Protein backbone atom coordinates (compact mmCIF):
# COMPACT_ATOMS: atom_id res chain seq x y z
CA MET A 1 -0.33 0.10 0.01
CA VAL A 2 0.84 3.50 -0.70
CA ASP A 3 0.68 6.89 1.05
CA VAL A 4 -0.74 8.84 -1.39
CA PRO A 5 -3.70 10.93 -1.15
CA ILE A 6 -7.08 9.50 -0.63
CA ALA A 7 -8.43 10.45 -4.14
CA ALA A 8 -4.88 9.10 -5.86
CA GLN A 9 -5.76 5.61 -4.73
CA ALA A 10 -8.92 5.27 -6.17
CA LEU A 11 -9.30 2.76 -9.65
CA PRO A 12 -6.94 3.23 -12.64
CA ALA A 13 -7.57 6.46 -13.84
CA GLY A 14 -7.61 4.99 -17.26
CA ALA A 15 -11.42 4.45 -17.93
CA LEU A 16 -13.78 6.32 -17.78
CA THR A 17 -16.17 7.30 -14.75
CA PRO A 18 -18.97 4.87 -14.21
CA THR A 19 -21.81 6.86 -14.06
CA PRO A 20 -24.28 5.55 -11.61
CA LYS A 21 -27.92 6.92 -12.19
CA PRO A 22 -28.28 10.53 -9.99
CA ALA A 23 -30.67 11.36 -7.51
CA SER A 24 -33.67 12.23 -8.38
CA ALA A 25 -35.00 13.07 -5.16
CA PRO A 26 -35.81 16.32 -3.46
CA THR A 27 -33.06 16.90 -1.55
CA ASP A 28 -29.98 18.24 -2.07
CA ARG A 29 -26.82 16.29 -1.71
CA THR A 30 -24.87 19.27 -2.92
CA GLY A 31 -26.13 21.94 -0.69
CA THR A 32 -25.91 24.35 -3.36
CA GLY A 33 -30.01 24.90 -3.55
CA VAL A 34 -31.58 27.47 -2.07
CA ARG A 35 -32.05 26.79 1.69
CA GLY A 36 -28.24 25.76 1.44
CA ALA A 37 -27.36 28.78 0.10
CA LEU A 38 -29.93 30.87 3.10
CA ARG A 39 -27.51 28.67 5.14
CA VAL A 40 -23.78 29.18 3.52
CA ALA A 41 -24.47 33.67 2.78
CA PRO A 42 -27.62 34.46 4.11
CA GLY A 43 -26.85 37.95 3.43
CA ALA A 44 -25.57 37.82 -0.30
CA THR A 45 -28.68 34.73 -0.66
CA VAL A 46 -31.17 37.91 0.52
CA THR A 47 -29.50 40.54 -1.00
CA LEU A 48 -30.07 38.80 -4.73
CA ALA A 49 -32.90 37.65 -3.78
CA LEU A 50 -34.23 41.29 -3.34
CA ALA A 51 -31.77 43.26 -6.18
CA VAL A 52 -33.25 40.74 -8.86
CA PRO A 53 -36.94 41.69 -8.35
CA ALA A 54 -36.07 45.26 -7.64
CA GLY A 55 -34.33 45.08 -11.13
CA SER A 56 -37.58 43.51 -12.40
CA ILE A 57 -39.39 46.19 -11.15
CA ALA A 58 -37.28 48.35 -12.14
CA ALA A 59 -37.76 47.09 -15.80
CA LEU A 60 -41.48 47.27 -15.97
CA LEU A 61 -41.92 50.86 -14.66
CA LEU A 62 -39.46 52.42 -17.48
CA PRO A 63 -41.33 51.78 -20.52
CA ALA A 64 -44.75 53.20 -18.40
CA ALA A 65 -42.78 56.39 -17.08
CA VAL A 66 -41.13 56.94 -20.66
CA ALA A 67 -44.66 56.87 -21.40
CA GLY A 68 -45.76 59.30 -19.10
CA SER A 69 -42.94 61.59 -19.88
CA VAL A 70 -44.27 61.33 -24.39
CA ASP A 71 -47.38 62.04 -23.44
CA ALA A 72 -46.60 65.04 -20.96
CA VAL A 73 -44.63 67.02 -24.11
CA VAL A 74 -47.46 65.79 -26.78
CA ARG A 75 -50.19 67.46 -24.31
CA GLY A 76 -47.67 70.56 -23.72
CA ASP A 77 -47.74 69.85 -19.83
CA LEU A 78 -44.86 70.55 -17.59
CA ALA A 79 -42.26 67.30 -18.27
CA SER A 80 -41.32 67.33 -14.45
CA GLY A 81 -43.22 64.96 -12.36
CA PRO A 82 -42.69 62.38 -15.21
CA THR A 83 -39.26 63.36 -15.57
CA VAL A 84 -38.56 62.82 -11.74
CA ARG A 85 -40.79 59.96 -11.59
CA LEU A 86 -38.33 58.55 -15.06
CA ILE A 87 -35.23 59.14 -12.83
CA ALA A 88 -36.13 57.18 -9.76
CA VAL A 89 -36.96 53.77 -11.76
CA LEU A 90 -33.29 54.50 -13.94
CA VAL A 91 -31.80 54.88 -10.10
CA LEU A 92 -34.19 51.88 -8.66
CA GLY A 93 -32.60 49.74 -12.34
CA LEU A 94 -28.79 51.11 -11.45
CA LEU A 95 -28.93 50.34 -7.63
CA ALA A 96 -30.90 47.04 -8.20
CA GLY A 97 -27.88 46.00 -11.20
CA LEU A 98 -25.06 46.66 -8.99
CA LEU A 99 -26.18 44.75 -5.59
CA ALA A 100 -26.98 42.06 -8.19
CA GLU A 101 -23.39 42.01 -9.82
CA ILE A 102 -22.00 41.99 -6.46
CA ALA A 103 -24.51 39.61 -4.64
CA GLY A 104 -24.14 37.17 -7.13
CA PRO A 105 -20.93 36.25 -7.65
CA GLY A 106 -20.15 36.29 -3.82
CA LEU A 107 -22.76 33.67 -3.02
CA ALA A 108 -21.58 31.34 -5.91
CA ALA A 109 -17.93 31.39 -4.46
CA GLU A 110 -19.04 30.64 -0.70
CA LEU A 111 -21.29 27.85 -2.17
CA THR A 112 -18.32 26.67 -4.54
CA ALA A 113 -16.00 26.60 -1.50
CA ARG A 114 -18.41 25.49 0.96
CA LEU A 115 -19.33 22.01 -1.43
CA ARG A 116 -15.56 21.66 -2.28
CA ARG A 117 -14.78 21.09 1.56
CA ARG A 118 -18.00 18.41 1.78
CA LEU A 119 -16.48 16.38 -1.92
CA ALA A 120 -12.80 16.31 -0.64
CA VAL A 121 -14.60 15.31 2.94
CA HIS A 122 -16.22 13.26 1.57
CA VAL A 123 -13.73 11.44 -0.77
CA THR A 124 -11.63 11.05 2.37
CA ASP A 125 -13.82 9.22 3.77
CA LEU A 126 -15.00 7.23 1.41
CA GLY A 127 -11.16 6.08 1.29
CA THR A 128 -10.18 3.16 -1.31
CA GLY A 129 -11.86 0.04 -2.28
CA SER A 130 -15.49 -1.01 -3.56
CA ARG A 131 -16.70 2.39 -1.79
CA ASN A 132 -14.83 4.40 -3.97
CA PRO A 133 -15.69 3.87 -7.97
CA PHE A 134 -14.40 7.23 -9.11
CA PRO A 135 -10.84 7.54 -10.84
CA ALA A 136 -8.89 9.81 -9.04
CA GLY A 137 -8.86 12.12 -12.07
CA ASP A 138 -12.01 12.40 -12.31
CA VAL A 139 -12.52 13.18 -8.59
CA THR A 140 -10.36 16.10 -8.97
CA SER A 141 -12.29 16.98 -12.12
CA ARG A 142 -15.73 17.05 -10.03
CA LEU A 143 -13.44 19.32 -6.69
CA VAL A 144 -12.01 21.52 -9.59
CA GLY A 145 -14.96 22.23 -12.03
CA ALA A 146 -17.99 20.40 -10.93
CA ALA A 147 -18.01 22.19 -7.65
CA PRO A 148 -17.88 25.91 -9.41
CA ASP A 149 -20.91 25.08 -12.04
CA ALA A 150 -22.78 23.66 -9.19
CA ALA A 151 -22.43 27.04 -6.87
CA GLY A 152 -23.55 28.93 -10.01
CA LEU A 153 -27.32 27.47 -10.03
CA VAL A 154 -28.93 30.15 -7.20
CA PRO A 155 -27.68 32.88 -9.01
CA SER A 156 -28.22 31.46 -12.69
CA LEU A 157 -31.83 30.88 -11.61
CA LEU A 158 -32.69 33.65 -10.16
CA GLY A 159 -31.20 35.76 -13.01
CA THR A 160 -33.99 33.44 -15.13
CA LEU A 161 -36.63 33.72 -13.17
CA GLY A 162 -36.11 37.60 -12.86
CA ALA A 163 -35.97 37.65 -16.50
CA LEU A 164 -39.08 35.28 -16.69
CA VAL A 165 -40.47 37.69 -14.69
CA THR A 166 -40.20 40.57 -16.03
CA SER A 167 -41.44 38.90 -19.42
CA LEU A 168 -44.42 37.54 -17.70
CA GLY A 169 -45.13 41.48 -16.57
CA GLY A 170 -43.95 42.80 -20.26
CA ILE A 171 -47.20 40.77 -21.83
CA VAL A 172 -49.51 41.73 -18.66
CA ALA A 173 -48.33 45.22 -19.36
CA LEU A 174 -49.53 44.89 -23.23
CA ALA A 175 -52.72 43.23 -22.21
CA LEU A 176 -53.14 46.23 -19.75
CA ILE A 177 -52.85 48.85 -22.11
CA ASP A 178 -55.00 46.66 -24.84
CA PRO A 179 -55.50 42.85 -24.99
CA TRP A 180 -55.23 43.09 -29.16
CA LEU A 181 -51.19 43.34 -27.89
CA ALA A 182 -51.24 40.63 -25.54
CA VAL A 183 -52.93 38.64 -28.45
CA GLY A 184 -50.19 39.55 -31.19
CA PHE A 185 -47.58 39.26 -28.14
CA LEU A 186 -48.18 35.54 -27.46
CA GLY A 187 -48.71 34.66 -31.26
CA GLY A 188 -44.73 34.32 -31.57
CA LEU A 189 -44.36 33.67 -28.41
CA LEU A 190 -45.44 30.03 -27.81
CA PRO A 191 -42.75 28.49 -30.62
CA GLY A 192 -39.87 30.43 -28.75
CA LEU A 193 -41.28 29.06 -25.21
CA LEU A 194 -40.79 25.27 -27.18
CA VAL A 195 -37.61 26.26 -28.34
CA VAL A 196 -35.85 26.93 -24.81
CA ARG A 197 -38.02 23.98 -23.50
CA VAL A 198 -35.90 22.00 -26.43
CA PHE A 199 -32.29 23.48 -25.97
CA MET A 200 -32.52 23.52 -22.15
CA ALA A 201 -33.18 19.77 -22.45
CA ARG A 202 -30.49 19.05 -24.63
CA ALA A 203 -27.86 21.43 -23.32
CA THR A 204 -28.11 20.05 -19.41
CA ASP A 205 -27.41 16.30 -21.80
CA LEU A 206 -24.50 17.80 -23.71
CA PHE A 207 -23.06 19.07 -20.40
CA THR A 208 -23.18 16.14 -18.24
CA ARG A 209 -21.69 13.95 -21.06
CA TYR A 210 -18.42 16.97 -21.64
CA GLN A 211 -17.83 16.94 -17.72
CA ALA A 212 -18.06 13.18 -17.19
CA VAL A 213 -15.81 12.46 -20.56
CA GLN A 214 -13.74 16.34 -19.32
CA GLY A 215 -13.50 13.52 -15.92
CA GLY A 216 -12.06 10.55 -17.87
CA LEU A 217 -9.70 12.51 -19.36
CA ALA A 218 -8.23 14.01 -16.20
CA GLY A 219 -7.76 10.79 -15.15
CA ARG A 220 -5.44 9.61 -17.63
CA LEU A 221 -3.58 12.45 -17.40
CA THR A 222 -2.93 11.79 -13.18
CA ASP A 223 -2.23 8.03 -13.93
CA ALA A 224 0.88 9.40 -16.91
CA LEU A 225 2.22 11.99 -14.42
CA ALA A 226 2.09 9.57 -11.33
CA GLY A 227 4.28 7.57 -13.91
CA ALA A 228 6.20 9.80 -15.39
CA ARG A 229 9.40 8.44 -14.55
CA THR A 230 8.32 5.07 -16.12
CA ILE A 231 6.90 6.56 -19.12
CA ARG A 232 10.52 8.56 -19.68
CA ALA A 233 12.71 5.55 -18.90
CA CYS A 234 10.53 3.26 -21.25
CA GLY A 235 10.38 5.95 -24.01
CA THR A 236 6.66 5.74 -24.21
CA ARG A 237 6.03 9.68 -24.01
CA ASP A 238 4.52 10.13 -27.93
CA ARG A 239 2.38 6.47 -27.06
CA GLU A 240 1.02 8.24 -23.87
CA ILE A 241 -0.03 11.18 -25.18
CA ALA A 242 -2.03 9.02 -27.70
CA ARG A 243 -3.19 7.32 -24.93
CA ILE A 244 -4.38 10.83 -22.55
CA LEU A 245 -5.82 12.08 -25.56
CA ALA A 246 -7.95 9.33 -27.07
CA PRO A 247 -11.45 10.87 -25.02
CA LEU A 248 -10.70 14.09 -27.27
CA PRO A 249 -12.73 13.34 -30.15
CA GLU A 250 -15.96 12.78 -27.55
CA LEU A 251 -14.99 16.02 -25.57
CA SER A 252 -14.71 17.83 -29.02
CA ALA A 253 -18.13 16.29 -29.98
CA ALA A 254 -19.86 16.91 -27.06
CA GLY A 255 -18.95 20.72 -26.76
CA HIS A 256 -19.61 21.30 -30.89
CA GLY A 257 -23.27 19.58 -29.74
CA LEU A 258 -24.12 22.09 -27.47
CA TRP A 259 -22.07 25.30 -29.63
CA ARG A 260 -24.82 23.45 -32.29
CA ALA A 261 -27.76 23.36 -29.96
CA GLN A 262 -27.15 26.74 -28.89
CA ARG A 263 -26.26 28.35 -32.39
CA SER A 264 -29.73 27.36 -33.39
CA ALA A 265 -31.79 28.63 -30.42
CA VAL A 266 -30.03 31.78 -30.79
CA ALA A 267 -30.64 31.85 -34.57
CA GLN A 268 -34.02 30.91 -33.72
CA VAL A 269 -34.87 33.49 -31.33
CA LEU A 270 -33.18 35.60 -33.80
CA LEU A 271 -35.80 35.09 -36.41
CA LEU A 272 -38.96 34.94 -33.86
CA ALA A 273 -38.27 38.39 -31.55
CA PRO A 274 -38.45 41.01 -34.80
CA MET A 275 -41.53 39.27 -36.04
CA VAL A 276 -43.05 39.38 -32.56
CA GLU A 277 -42.06 43.36 -32.22
CA LEU A 278 -43.31 44.44 -35.56
CA THR A 279 -46.51 42.97 -34.69
CA VAL A 280 -47.13 44.51 -31.23
CA LEU A 281 -45.98 48.05 -33.21
CA ALA A 282 -48.30 47.16 -35.87
CA THR A 283 -51.01 46.84 -33.66
CA ALA A 284 -50.34 49.16 -31.64
CA GLY A 285 -49.85 52.04 -34.55
CA TRP A 286 -53.70 50.94 -35.84
CA LEU A 287 -54.54 51.76 -32.26
CA LEU A 288 -53.36 54.84 -32.43
CA ALA A 289 -54.80 55.16 -35.24
CA GLU A 290 -57.93 54.81 -34.49
CA GLY A 291 -57.51 56.55 -31.07
CA ARG A 292 -57.67 53.70 -28.55
CA ILE A 293 -54.01 54.93 -26.93
CA PRO A 294 -52.51 57.94 -26.32
CA PRO A 295 -48.76 58.11 -28.33
CA GLY A 296 -47.59 57.34 -24.95
CA GLN A 297 -48.56 54.47 -25.01
CA LEU A 298 -47.33 53.30 -28.60
CA VAL A 299 -43.63 54.17 -27.08
CA ALA A 300 -44.97 52.03 -24.10
CA ALA A 301 -45.91 49.21 -26.42
CA ALA A 302 -42.58 49.34 -27.89
CA GLY A 303 -40.78 48.77 -24.11
CA TYR A 304 -43.11 46.03 -23.27
CA ALA A 305 -42.48 43.87 -26.28
CA ALA A 306 -38.96 44.08 -26.03
CA LEU A 307 -39.08 43.08 -22.54
CA GLY A 308 -41.52 40.36 -23.07
CA LEU A 309 -39.12 38.78 -25.19
CA GLY A 310 -36.28 39.08 -23.03
CA PHE A 311 -36.37 35.83 -21.74
CA LEU A 312 -36.48 34.34 -25.03
CA GLU A 313 -33.02 36.31 -25.39
CA GLN A 314 -31.63 35.02 -22.20
CA VAL A 315 -29.68 32.25 -23.89
CA GLU A 316 -26.46 32.78 -22.17
CA ALA A 317 -28.20 32.51 -18.91
CA LEU A 318 -30.13 29.67 -19.68
CA VAL A 319 -26.13 27.66 -20.57
CA GLY A 320 -25.64 28.38 -17.08
CA VAL A 321 -28.23 26.72 -15.69
CA ALA A 322 -27.73 24.31 -17.78
CA HIS A 323 -23.92 24.00 -16.76
CA ALA A 324 -24.87 24.47 -13.07
CA ARG A 325 -27.59 21.37 -13.13
CA ALA A 326 -24.99 19.52 -14.44
CA GLY A 327 -21.98 20.08 -12.22
CA ARG A 328 -24.78 19.64 -9.10
CA VAL A 329 -25.65 15.70 -11.02
CA ARG A 330 -21.85 15.33 -11.32
CA ALA A 331 -21.18 16.19 -7.45
CA ALA A 332 -23.99 14.55 -6.38
CA GLU A 333 -22.47 11.42 -8.27
CA LEU A 334 -20.00 11.17 -5.97
CA LEU A 335 -21.98 12.32 -2.19
CA ALA A 336 -24.42 9.81 -2.88
CA VAL A 337 -21.67 6.75 -2.41
CA GLU A 338 -22.24 6.54 0.66
CA PRO A 339 -19.10 6.32 3.05
CA ALA A 340 -18.63 3.80 5.93
CA GLY A 341 -19.81 5.62 9.39
CA TYR A 342 -17.56 6.04 12.42
CA GLY A 343 -18.92 4.65 15.65
CA THR A 344 -19.25 6.46 18.55
CA ALA A 345 -17.17 4.86 21.20
CA ARG A 346 -15.11 7.97 22.43
CA THR A 347 -12.36 5.85 25.00
CA LEU A 348 -10.22 2.72 23.37
CA PRO A 349 -11.20 -0.39 25.28
CA PRO A 350 -9.11 -1.19 28.40
CA GLY A 351 -5.83 -3.85 26.80
CA GLY A 352 -2.86 -3.79 25.26
CA GLY A 353 -3.75 -3.99 21.70
CA GLU A 354 -4.80 -7.15 20.76
CA LEU A 355 -6.15 -7.40 16.75
CA VAL A 356 -8.44 -10.21 15.95
CA PHE A 357 -9.83 -10.54 12.40
CA ARG A 358 -13.14 -12.99 12.39
CA GLY A 359 -14.13 -14.53 9.18
CA VAL A 360 -13.05 -11.43 6.95
CA ARG A 361 -13.14 -11.56 3.48
CA VAL A 362 -12.82 -8.72 0.77
CA ARG A 363 -13.41 -8.72 -3.03
CA ALA A 364 -11.75 -6.92 -5.39
CA ALA A 365 -13.35 -2.92 -6.02
CA ASP A 366 -12.32 -3.36 -9.64
CA SER A 367 -13.42 -6.94 -10.16
CA ALA A 368 -16.87 -6.62 -12.37
CA GLY A 369 -16.78 -10.50 -11.15
CA GLY A 370 -16.50 -9.96 -7.53
CA ARG A 371 -12.82 -11.69 -7.47
CA VAL A 372 -12.14 -12.50 -3.32
CA VAL A 373 -8.94 -11.04 -2.16
CA LEU A 374 -8.98 -12.39 1.00
CA ASP A 375 -11.36 -14.88 2.06
CA GLY A 376 -12.22 -16.13 5.71
CA ILE A 377 -9.51 -14.96 7.31
CA ASP A 378 -9.64 -15.65 10.96
CA LEU A 379 -6.26 -13.94 12.69
CA THR A 380 -5.07 -12.76 16.58
CA VAL A 381 -2.19 -11.03 17.12
CA PRO A 382 -1.70 -11.06 20.90
CA ALA A 383 -1.35 -7.79 22.77
CA GLY A 384 2.29 -6.20 22.15
CA ALA A 385 3.02 -9.52 19.40
CA CYS A 386 4.83 -9.25 16.13
CA VAL A 387 3.39 -10.75 13.35
CA ALA A 388 5.22 -10.58 10.06
CA LEU A 389 2.32 -11.09 6.58
CA VAL A 390 4.05 -13.28 3.87
CA GLY A 391 3.25 -14.00 0.41
CA ALA A 392 3.53 -13.63 -3.25
CA SER A 393 1.94 -10.28 -4.79
CA GLY A 394 -1.29 -10.90 -5.06
CA SER A 395 -1.89 -12.53 -1.89
CA GLY A 396 -3.79 -10.30 0.53
CA LYS A 397 -1.26 -8.58 2.65
CA SER A 398 -1.94 -5.35 2.34
CA THR A 399 -5.55 -5.33 2.48
CA LEU A 400 -4.96 -7.41 5.70
CA ALA A 401 -2.87 -4.88 6.69
CA ALA A 402 -5.52 -1.87 5.66
CA LEU A 403 -8.45 -3.51 7.43
CA ALA A 404 -7.09 -2.66 11.15
CA GLY A 405 -7.31 1.15 10.68
CA ARG A 406 -10.24 0.48 8.43
CA LEU A 407 -8.77 2.00 5.55
CA ARG A 408 -10.56 -0.87 3.51
CA GLU A 409 -13.82 -1.94 4.94
CA PRO A 410 -14.13 -6.00 5.37
CA ASP A 411 -17.29 -7.36 2.64
CA GLU A 412 -17.79 -9.78 5.20
CA GLY A 413 -16.61 -10.35 9.14
CA GLU A 414 -15.35 -8.41 11.08
CA VAL A 415 -11.52 -6.35 13.20
CA LEU A 416 -11.95 -6.41 16.42
CA LEU A 417 -9.40 -4.53 18.90
CA ASP A 418 -9.14 -5.49 22.57
CA GLY A 419 -12.59 -7.38 21.69
CA LEU A 420 -14.14 -4.13 20.54
CA PRO A 421 -15.51 -4.03 16.77
CA VAL A 422 -13.00 -1.14 15.11
CA THR A 423 -16.32 0.07 13.17
CA ARG A 424 -17.85 1.17 17.02
CA LEU A 425 -14.67 3.63 17.13
CA ALA A 426 -15.26 7.14 16.93
CA ARG A 427 -12.57 8.10 13.75
CA GLY A 428 -10.38 10.03 16.57
CA GLU A 429 -10.51 7.00 18.98
CA LEU A 430 -9.53 4.39 15.97
CA ARG A 431 -6.32 6.62 14.91
CA ARG A 432 -5.12 6.49 18.18
CA GLY A 433 -5.77 3.08 18.55
CA VAL A 434 -4.13 2.05 14.97
CA ALA A 435 -1.25 3.88 13.15
CA TYR A 436 0.19 3.33 9.51
CA ALA A 437 3.25 3.70 8.03
CA PHE A 438 3.81 3.10 4.27
CA PRO A 439 6.37 2.41 1.56
CA CYS A 440 6.17 6.12 -0.10
CA PRO A 441 5.13 8.38 2.56
CA VAL A 442 4.27 11.65 1.64
CA LEU A 443 5.04 14.56 4.21
CA VAL A 444 2.64 16.54 4.85
CA GLY A 445 2.73 19.90 6.57
CA ALA A 446 4.82 23.50 6.71
CA ASP A 447 8.01 21.57 7.99
CA LEU A 448 9.48 18.63 9.34
CA ALA A 449 8.02 19.05 12.24
CA GLU A 450 4.48 19.29 11.55
CA ALA A 451 4.87 16.69 9.16
CA LEU A 452 6.07 14.53 11.76
CA ALA A 453 3.35 15.50 14.33
CA TYR A 454 0.53 14.98 12.00
CA GLY A 455 -0.96 12.53 12.94
CA ARG A 456 -0.70 13.77 16.56
CA PRO A 457 -1.03 17.93 16.41
CA GLY A 458 0.65 19.53 19.50
CA ALA A 459 2.72 16.13 20.51
CA ASP A 460 5.56 17.34 22.48
CA PRO A 461 8.67 17.90 20.59
CA GLU A 462 10.70 15.34 23.04
CA ALA A 463 7.55 12.72 21.49
CA VAL A 464 8.86 13.85 17.93
CA THR A 465 12.95 13.70 18.77
CA GLY A 466 12.44 10.63 20.40
CA ALA A 467 10.56 8.88 17.46
CA ALA A 468 13.10 10.10 14.71
CA ARG A 469 15.57 8.55 16.41
CA MET A 470 13.97 4.98 16.67
CA ALA A 471 13.42 5.31 13.35
CA TYR A 472 16.90 6.44 12.59
CA ALA A 473 15.97 9.80 11.09
CA ASP A 474 17.08 12.22 13.83
CA ASP A 475 20.87 12.20 13.03
CA PHE A 476 20.32 13.64 8.97
CA VAL A 477 17.41 15.33 10.07
CA ARG A 478 19.85 17.62 12.64
CA ARG A 479 22.22 17.98 10.04
CA LEU A 480 19.57 19.55 7.62
CA PRO A 481 20.22 23.21 7.53
CA ALA A 482 17.27 24.00 9.76
CA GLY A 483 16.80 20.60 11.61
CA TYR A 484 13.55 19.81 12.18
CA ALA A 485 12.20 23.31 10.97
CA THR A 486 13.50 22.28 7.23
CA ARG A 487 11.01 23.41 5.39
CA ILE A 488 9.25 20.69 3.40
CA ASP A 489 8.55 22.60 0.06
CA GLY A 490 11.17 21.84 -2.34
CA LEU A 491 13.14 19.45 0.56
CA ALA A 492 15.25 16.67 -1.62
CA LEU A 493 15.47 13.23 0.04
CA SER A 494 16.28 10.06 -0.62
CA GLY A 495 13.76 7.42 -0.76
CA GLY A 496 15.31 5.50 2.39
CA GLU A 497 15.19 8.95 4.29
CA VAL A 498 11.16 9.50 3.60
CA GLN A 499 10.78 5.82 4.68
CA ARG A 500 12.22 6.57 8.29
CA LEU A 501 10.54 10.16 8.43
CA GLY A 502 7.04 7.57 7.41
CA LEU A 503 7.81 5.68 10.56
CA ALA A 504 9.01 8.57 13.20
CA ARG A 505 5.85 9.86 12.02
CA ALA A 506 3.38 6.50 12.78
CA LEU A 507 5.69 6.45 16.08
CA VAL A 508 4.52 10.07 16.88
CA GLN A 509 1.00 8.62 17.19
CA ASP A 510 1.58 6.47 19.83
CA ALA A 511 -1.07 3.85 18.79
CA ARG A 512 -1.53 0.73 20.24
CA VAL A 513 -1.24 -1.03 16.42
CA LEU A 514 1.70 -0.21 14.45
CA VAL A 515 1.22 -1.03 10.76
CA LEU A 516 4.29 -1.27 8.65
CA ASP A 517 3.46 -1.94 5.33
CA ASP A 518 6.71 -2.74 3.53
CA ALA A 519 7.43 0.70 5.32
CA THR A 520 11.25 -0.45 5.31
CA SER A 521 11.64 -1.42 1.52
CA GLY A 522 14.03 1.53 0.72
CA LEU A 523 16.41 0.74 3.45
CA ASP A 524 19.37 -1.38 3.39
CA THR A 525 19.00 -4.63 5.01
CA VAL A 526 21.38 -3.18 8.29
CA THR A 527 19.27 -0.21 8.74
CA GLU A 528 16.12 -2.27 8.23
CA HIS A 529 17.69 -4.50 10.91
CA HIS A 530 18.66 -1.82 13.65
CA ILE A 531 15.35 -0.32 13.21
CA HIS A 532 13.20 -3.60 13.71
CA GLU A 533 15.91 -4.14 16.49
CA ALA A 534 15.28 -0.64 18.26
CA PHE A 535 11.30 -1.54 17.59
CA ARG A 536 11.54 -4.94 19.58
CA THR A 537 12.93 -2.92 22.41
CA GLY A 538 11.18 0.25 22.37
CA LEU A 539 7.91 -1.00 21.63
CA ALA A 540 7.69 -4.25 23.25
CA ASP A 541 4.06 -2.80 25.01
CA ARG A 542 2.95 -2.30 21.01
CA THR A 543 1.14 -4.53 18.33
CA ARG A 544 3.38 -4.06 15.45
CA ILE A 545 1.97 -5.83 12.14
CA VAL A 546 4.41 -5.96 9.11
CA VAL A 547 4.39 -6.86 6.03
CA ALA A 548 7.47 -8.11 4.92
CA HIS A 549 8.68 -8.85 1.54
CA ARG A 550 12.25 -9.54 2.85
CA ALA A 551 13.12 -13.07 5.01
CA THR A 552 15.46 -10.68 7.69
CA ALA A 553 11.63 -8.43 7.94
CA ALA A 554 10.01 -11.77 8.68
CA ALA A 555 12.91 -13.12 10.90
CA ASP A 556 12.32 -10.13 13.04
CA ALA A 557 8.83 -10.77 13.58
CA ASP A 558 7.42 -13.17 16.91
CA PHE A 559 5.45 -15.00 14.65
CA VAL A 560 4.72 -15.10 10.81
CA ALA A 561 1.19 -15.03 8.61
CA TRP A 562 1.99 -17.21 5.26
CA LEU A 563 -0.90 -16.01 2.74
CA GLU A 564 -1.92 -17.43 -0.21
CA SER A 565 -4.22 -16.95 -2.71
CA GLY A 566 -6.14 -14.43 0.07
CA ARG A 567 -6.16 -17.41 2.41
CA ILE A 568 -3.50 -17.99 5.50
CA LYS A 569 -1.84 -21.00 4.60
CA ALA A 570 0.50 -21.31 7.58
CA LEU A 571 0.99 -19.66 10.44
CA GLY A 572 4.03 -19.93 13.02
CA PRO A 573 7.87 -18.44 13.62
CA HIS A 574 10.07 -17.85 10.47
CA THR A 575 12.75 -19.90 11.53
CA GLU A 576 9.74 -23.23 11.09
CA LEU A 577 8.24 -21.81 8.14
CA TRP A 578 11.93 -21.48 6.05
CA ASN A 579 12.33 -25.90 6.23
CA ASP A 580 9.48 -25.29 4.06
CA PRO A 581 10.43 -24.99 -0.15
CA ALA A 582 7.71 -23.32 -0.98
CA TYR A 583 7.85 -20.24 1.75
CA ARG A 584 11.38 -20.11 1.14
CA ALA A 585 10.54 -19.48 -2.83
CA VAL A 586 8.04 -16.28 -1.67
CA PHE A 587 10.69 -14.38 -0.79
CA THR A 588 13.27 -15.92 -3.85
CA ARG A 589 9.92 -14.41 -6.10
CA GLU A 590 9.79 -11.14 -4.38
CA GLU A 591 13.25 -10.36 -4.32
CA ARG A 592 12.91 -11.15 -8.31
CA THR A 593 9.77 -8.48 -9.07
């Protein structure tokens, strides 16, 4: 097992994302709906909710104010009153537009930050295995792309609803001037509404498809970046570029499909709009000639016709809504995968770290047929004992080690720590019960001291340096220019040095059970032996599980669990098992690989 960010431990990134059906329930998983917006940013949400209708009111009052001024001029009356009303309407519209421009992006930013945090926490809780079916690159695309898209739903919806209210208000105003104006307008509006409906359905589908393909492409790129050295060593750069870019035709097809849909909708709206306006103006001119409306109402009719057509001209806003809906679907897909819950026990049970695997069965997460990785494992590790897990590659060693701290969940069976199922422990207590060291640890923190205390924030400096000494890391750390205050960024260390720091970080946690998943593979045999001897004397009361690929690591353990094809083939001391040629052959194969 490799200590990498949880998102990067998902399925191979070369495959496109599975597409589970999005939840159609009214509950908002993403928290980007109106209720979520009110919880996250009530001020911005209320401001936007007030500014949008205020803008609509100002837009609807403007033609009436202009009509009043025109009629006053035609009659030869003083235009001071109508002019004041006109200025007031213009000021109201300006203020409403300004508030909407400020509140909308602010609300979207708040919702984006909250959703990204939720997605990051959720992915961390999912961990690896069958609970997380999404490749690392796809998860990244959902955090980077889908989250801000989904967060724009409320601002986009309010803007679109504001345009709809304004359009409906314009139609009502035309009917109030004269019913024939509304009849002429509606004759051309109904085909326009059909155009908008078809466009929305098509655009949402295309955006969802586009984002899904984009996520697959991001997954391939993430996979390639992780293996950059291998690609360079094998000279397969061009082949890898072709593999990464293979989804581009599908991505291009989705993008071009969206552009075609938008172009078609805009073209149809542009054809309809002038026809509707001409119909309204012709009707208004006839009514004026008949003396049924004053000149100002002719001007107002032209303004209200334009407002009524405003909804059809909101193609860009509708694209924003479609984009937001697609992003919301992709974020909801990830949130719909339920992580394993933690228990409520906030105190470790009495004991010294006895670990029991009872009837454990695990199936491969990437296997459609449910290939069994561990098959009915029953194993008891006494408190304070050290067990080495030995077996050929693929025998299930790392998977079994991962079960102790719930980095993987068994499909069947249970794991108990001092008699208590680990599923009943609260998150913090589980981490105080089981600590891990990995073959390729990632150092997280501002400096080395913070990185070593990462699993136990606020740890005493003496505990940090003591753990580093036991892991044979203290000497080389003190030789660094700033010692334990050396910054992580740009720090160049060998693989063995990083492994020793990973061991020290696990020791700082001071957990009852210490799991070393091939955590000394980068060390020379002498240093590895010294570390295991230090652990034997300094951690005599600590239970240890060692995923062993070297005979020396297995020899340092109290007993060995020999795994083969997901089952325990034998249990016993290394010296006894060594008499079996098949057991010796395991280490020969491991050394060759």
